[in-house]
Amino acid sequence: MADFGNVTIKGCNGEDVYINGDYSTPAGKAPGPFVVPFVYSIFDTLDAKRRINRRGFAQPTPSEPDVSIALSPVNPPVPVS
């Protein structure tokens, strides 16, 4: 049994996606898919000022290893620390 699942981001095509607060390097570009462990994960996009402007959550599981999510707007955008 695999320990990882795939998360696909709906919308935001071509935007950099950051996972679990690691803003040093993007995990890839939307829509992905992004390979993550079977744990609760946070997905963010940043605006030009490096503020979180969209966020979503996903937790793939062994019974549902492929998950699609849409990111919700963060208003006002939150600066990354």
N, C-alpha and C. Protein backbone atom coordinates (compact mmCIF):
# COMPACT_ATOMS: atom_id res chain seq x y z
N MET A 1 0.84 -1.18 0.00
CA MET A 1 0.00 0.00 0.00
C MET A 1 0.89 1.25 0.00
N ALA A 2 0.56 2.23 -0.82
CA ALA A 2 1.33 3.48 -0.90
C ALA A 2 1.06 4.35 0.31
N ASP A 3 2.04 5.16 0.65
CA ASP A 3 1.90 6.10 1.77
C ASP A 3 1.60 7.52 1.29
N PHE A 4 1.40 7.68 -0.02
CA PHE A 4 1.21 8.99 -0.61
C PHE A 4 -0.01 9.01 -1.52
N GLY A 5 -0.60 10.20 -1.64
CA GLY A 5 -1.70 10.41 -2.55
C GLY A 5 -1.42 11.60 -3.44
N ASN A 6 -2.35 11.90 -4.32
CA ASN A 6 -2.23 13.00 -5.27
C ASN A 6 -3.32 14.03 -5.02
N VAL A 7 -2.92 15.29 -4.98
CA VAL A 7 -3.88 16.38 -4.84
C VAL A 7 -3.79 17.25 -6.09
N THR A 8 -4.93 17.47 -6.74
CA THR A 8 -5.02 18.34 -7.90
C THR A 8 -5.76 19.60 -7.49
N ILE A 9 -5.23 20.75 -7.91
CA ILE A 9 -5.82 22.05 -7.59
C ILE A 9 -6.67 22.50 -8.77
N LYS A 10 -7.97 22.73 -8.53
CA LYS A 10 -8.86 23.24 -9.58
C LYS A 10 -8.73 24.76 -9.64
N GLY A 11 -8.66 25.31 -10.84
CA GLY A 11 -8.48 26.75 -10.99
C GLY A 11 -7.02 27.09 -10.73
N CYS A 12 -6.67 28.33 -10.71
CA CYS A 12 -5.30 28.79 -10.41
C CYS A 12 -4.28 28.21 -11.39
N ASN A 13 -4.69 27.78 -12.57
CA ASN A 13 -3.77 27.12 -13.50
C ASN A 13 -2.54 27.97 -13.77
N GLY A 14 -1.38 27.33 -13.66
CA GLY A 14 -0.11 28.00 -13.93
C GLY A 14 0.46 28.75 -12.75
N GLU A 15 -0.28 28.87 -11.65
CA GLU A 15 0.23 29.59 -10.48
C GLU A 15 1.10 28.67 -9.62
N ASP A 16 2.10 29.26 -8.97
CA ASP A 16 2.94 28.52 -8.04
C ASP A 16 2.12 28.12 -6.82
N VAL A 17 2.31 26.89 -6.37
CA VAL A 17 1.61 26.37 -5.19
C VAL A 17 2.65 26.02 -4.13
N TYR A 18 2.35 26.41 -2.91
CA TYR A 18 3.21 26.14 -1.75
C TYR A 18 2.44 25.22 -0.81
N ILE A 19 3.17 24.27 -0.20
CA ILE A 19 2.52 23.28 0.65
C ILE A 19 3.05 23.36 2.07
N ASN A 20 2.11 23.38 3.01
CA ASN A 20 2.40 23.31 4.45
C ASN A 20 3.36 24.38 4.94
N GLY A 21 3.20 25.60 4.42
CA GLY A 21 3.95 26.73 4.94
C GLY A 21 5.39 26.83 4.50
N ASP A 22 5.81 26.01 3.55
CA ASP A 22 7.17 26.11 3.02
C ASP A 22 7.12 27.07 1.83
N TYR A 23 7.48 28.33 2.10
CA TYR A 23 7.40 29.36 1.07
C TYR A 23 8.76 29.63 0.42
N SER A 24 9.76 28.80 0.71
CA SER A 24 11.08 29.01 0.13
C SER A 24 11.10 28.66 -1.36
N THR A 25 10.43 27.58 -1.73
CA THR A 25 10.39 27.13 -3.12
C THR A 25 9.00 26.56 -3.40
N PRO A 26 8.38 26.94 -4.52
CA PRO A 26 7.07 26.36 -4.83
C PRO A 26 7.16 24.85 -5.01
N ALA A 27 6.10 24.16 -4.63
CA ALA A 27 6.02 22.71 -4.81
C ALA A 27 5.76 22.36 -6.27
N GLY A 28 5.30 23.34 -7.04
CA GLY A 28 4.99 23.14 -8.45
C GLY A 28 3.93 24.12 -8.88
N LYS A 29 3.45 23.96 -10.08
CA LYS A 29 2.42 24.85 -10.62
C LYS A 29 1.08 24.13 -10.66
N ALA A 30 0.03 24.89 -10.37
CA ALA A 30 -1.32 24.34 -10.44
C ALA A 30 -1.62 24.02 -11.90
N PRO A 31 -2.31 22.96 -12.18
CA PRO A 31 -3.13 22.17 -11.28
C PRO A 31 -2.40 21.02 -10.59
N GLY A 32 -1.15 20.77 -10.86
CA GLY A 32 -0.46 19.62 -10.26
C GLY A 32 -0.59 18.41 -11.16
N PRO A 33 -0.74 17.22 -10.62
CA PRO A 33 -1.03 16.91 -9.22
C PRO A 33 0.20 17.01 -8.32
N PHE A 34 -0.05 17.20 -7.04
CA PHE A 34 0.97 17.29 -6.01
C PHE A 34 0.94 16.01 -5.19
N VAL A 35 2.09 15.38 -5.05
CA VAL A 35 2.19 14.14 -4.28
C VAL A 35 2.46 14.51 -2.83
N VAL A 36 1.56 14.08 -1.94
CA VAL A 36 1.68 14.38 -0.51
C VAL A 36 1.40 13.12 0.29
N PRO A 37 1.94 13.06 1.52
CA PRO A 37 1.64 11.91 2.37
C PRO A 37 0.17 11.91 2.80
N PHE A 38 -0.27 10.79 3.33
CA PHE A 38 -1.65 10.67 3.80
C PHE A 38 -1.82 11.41 5.12
N VAL A 39 -1.63 12.71 5.09
CA VAL A 39 -1.85 13.58 6.25
C VAL A 39 -2.55 14.84 5.75
N TYR A 40 -3.11 15.59 6.66
CA TYR A 40 -3.75 16.87 6.37
C TYR A 40 -2.70 17.83 5.83
N SER A 41 -2.90 18.40 4.66
CA SER A 41 -1.94 19.31 4.05
C SER A 41 -2.62 20.62 3.67
N ILE A 42 -1.84 21.70 3.73
CA ILE A 42 -2.31 23.05 3.41
C ILE A 42 -1.67 23.48 2.09
N PHE A 43 -2.47 24.02 1.18
CA PHE A 43 -2.01 24.46 -0.13
C PHE A 43 -2.29 25.95 -0.26
N ASP A 44 -1.25 26.73 -0.62
CA ASP A 44 -1.38 28.19 -0.75
C ASP A 44 -0.86 28.67 -2.09
N THR A 45 -1.40 29.81 -2.55
CA THR A 45 -0.79 30.58 -3.62
C THR A 45 -0.46 31.95 -3.03
N LEU A 46 0.52 32.63 -3.65
CA LEU A 46 0.95 33.94 -3.18
C LEU A 46 0.72 34.99 -4.26
N ASP A 47 0.46 36.21 -3.82
CA ASP A 47 0.36 37.30 -4.78
C ASP A 47 1.75 37.88 -5.05
N ALA A 48 1.82 38.96 -5.83
CA ALA A 48 3.11 39.55 -6.21
C ALA A 48 3.88 40.10 -5.02
N LYS A 49 3.18 40.40 -3.92
CA LYS A 49 3.84 40.93 -2.71
C LYS A 49 4.18 39.81 -1.72
N ARG A 50 4.10 38.55 -2.18
CA ARG A 50 4.38 37.36 -1.37
C ARG A 50 3.46 37.27 -0.16
N ARG A 51 2.18 37.52 -0.41
CA ARG A 51 1.15 37.34 0.61
C ARG A 51 0.27 36.18 0.18
N ILE A 52 -0.20 35.40 1.16
CA ILE A 52 -1.10 34.29 0.86
C ILE A 52 -2.42 34.87 0.37
N ASN A 53 -2.78 34.54 -0.87
CA ASN A 53 -4.02 35.08 -1.42
C ASN A 53 -5.08 34.00 -1.68
N ARG A 54 -4.67 32.71 -1.67
CA ARG A 54 -5.63 31.61 -1.76
C ARG A 54 -5.10 30.45 -0.93
N ARG A 55 -6.03 29.70 -0.34
CA ARG A 55 -5.65 28.58 0.52
C ARG A 55 -6.68 27.47 0.42
N GLY A 56 -6.20 26.25 0.53
CA GLY A 56 -7.08 25.09 0.55
C GLY A 56 -6.44 23.97 1.35
N PHE A 57 -7.24 22.99 1.70
CA PHE A 57 -6.80 21.89 2.54
C PHE A 57 -7.21 20.57 1.90
N ALA A 58 -6.38 19.55 2.11
CA ALA A 58 -6.71 18.22 1.58
C ALA A 58 -6.04 17.16 2.44
N GLN A 59 -6.65 16.00 2.48
CA GLN A 59 -6.06 14.84 3.14
C GLN A 59 -6.39 13.59 2.34
N PRO A 60 -5.49 13.22 1.42
CA PRO A 60 -5.72 11.95 0.73
C PRO A 60 -5.62 10.80 1.74
N THR A 61 -6.27 9.73 1.43
CA THR A 61 -6.27 8.55 2.30
C THR A 61 -6.04 7.31 1.44
N PRO A 62 -5.72 6.18 2.06
CA PRO A 62 -5.57 4.96 1.27
C PRO A 62 -6.83 4.61 0.47
N SER A 63 -7.99 4.91 1.03
CA SER A 63 -9.23 4.59 0.31
C SER A 63 -9.59 5.66 -0.73
N GLU A 64 -9.03 6.86 -0.61
CA GLU A 64 -9.24 7.95 -1.58
C GLU A 64 -7.91 8.65 -1.83
N PRO A 65 -7.01 8.03 -2.61
CA PRO A 65 -5.67 8.57 -2.79
C PRO A 65 -5.59 9.76 -3.75
N ASP A 66 -6.61 9.96 -4.58
CA ASP A 66 -6.60 11.06 -5.54
C ASP A 66 -7.71 12.05 -5.17
N VAL A 67 -7.29 13.27 -4.81
CA VAL A 67 -8.21 14.29 -4.32
C VAL A 67 -8.07 15.54 -5.18
N SER A 68 -9.19 16.19 -5.47
CA SER A 68 -9.19 17.49 -6.15
C SER A 68 -9.80 18.52 -5.21
N ILE A 69 -9.16 19.70 -5.16
CA ILE A 69 -9.67 20.77 -4.30
C ILE A 69 -9.64 22.09 -5.07
N ALA A 70 -10.42 23.04 -4.59
CA ALA A 70 -10.37 24.42 -5.07
C ALA A 70 -9.86 25.27 -3.92
N LEU A 71 -8.99 26.22 -4.21
CA LEU A 71 -8.48 27.11 -3.17
C LEU A 71 -9.45 28.27 -2.97
N SER A 72 -9.63 28.66 -1.72
CA SER A 72 -10.52 29.77 -1.39
C SER A 72 -9.71 31.05 -1.23
N PRO A 73 -10.31 32.19 -1.59
CA PRO A 73 -9.59 33.47 -1.43
C PRO A 73 -9.30 33.74 0.05
N VAL A 74 -8.15 34.33 0.31
CA VAL A 74 -7.79 34.82 1.64
C VAL A 74 -7.89 36.33 1.56
N ASN A 75 -8.85 36.90 2.28
CA ASN A 75 -9.11 38.33 2.16
C ASN A 75 -9.23 38.94 3.55
N PRO A 76 -8.32 39.83 3.92
CA PRO A 76 -7.21 40.34 3.12
C PRO A 76 -6.08 39.31 3.05
N PRO A 77 -5.23 39.43 2.01
CA PRO A 77 -4.09 38.53 1.90
C PRO A 77 -3.20 38.62 3.15
N VAL A 78 -2.58 37.50 3.51
CA VAL A 78 -1.76 37.42 4.73
C VAL A 78 -0.29 37.32 4.35
N PRO A 79 0.55 38.20 4.90
CA PRO A 79 2.00 38.11 4.60
C PRO A 79 2.58 36.78 5.11
N VAL A 80 3.51 36.22 4.35
CA VAL A 80 4.19 35.03 4.82
C VAL A 80 5.24 35.46 5.84
N SER A 81 5.45 34.63 6.86
CA SER A 81 6.42 35.03 7.89
C SER A 81 7.78 34.45 7.65
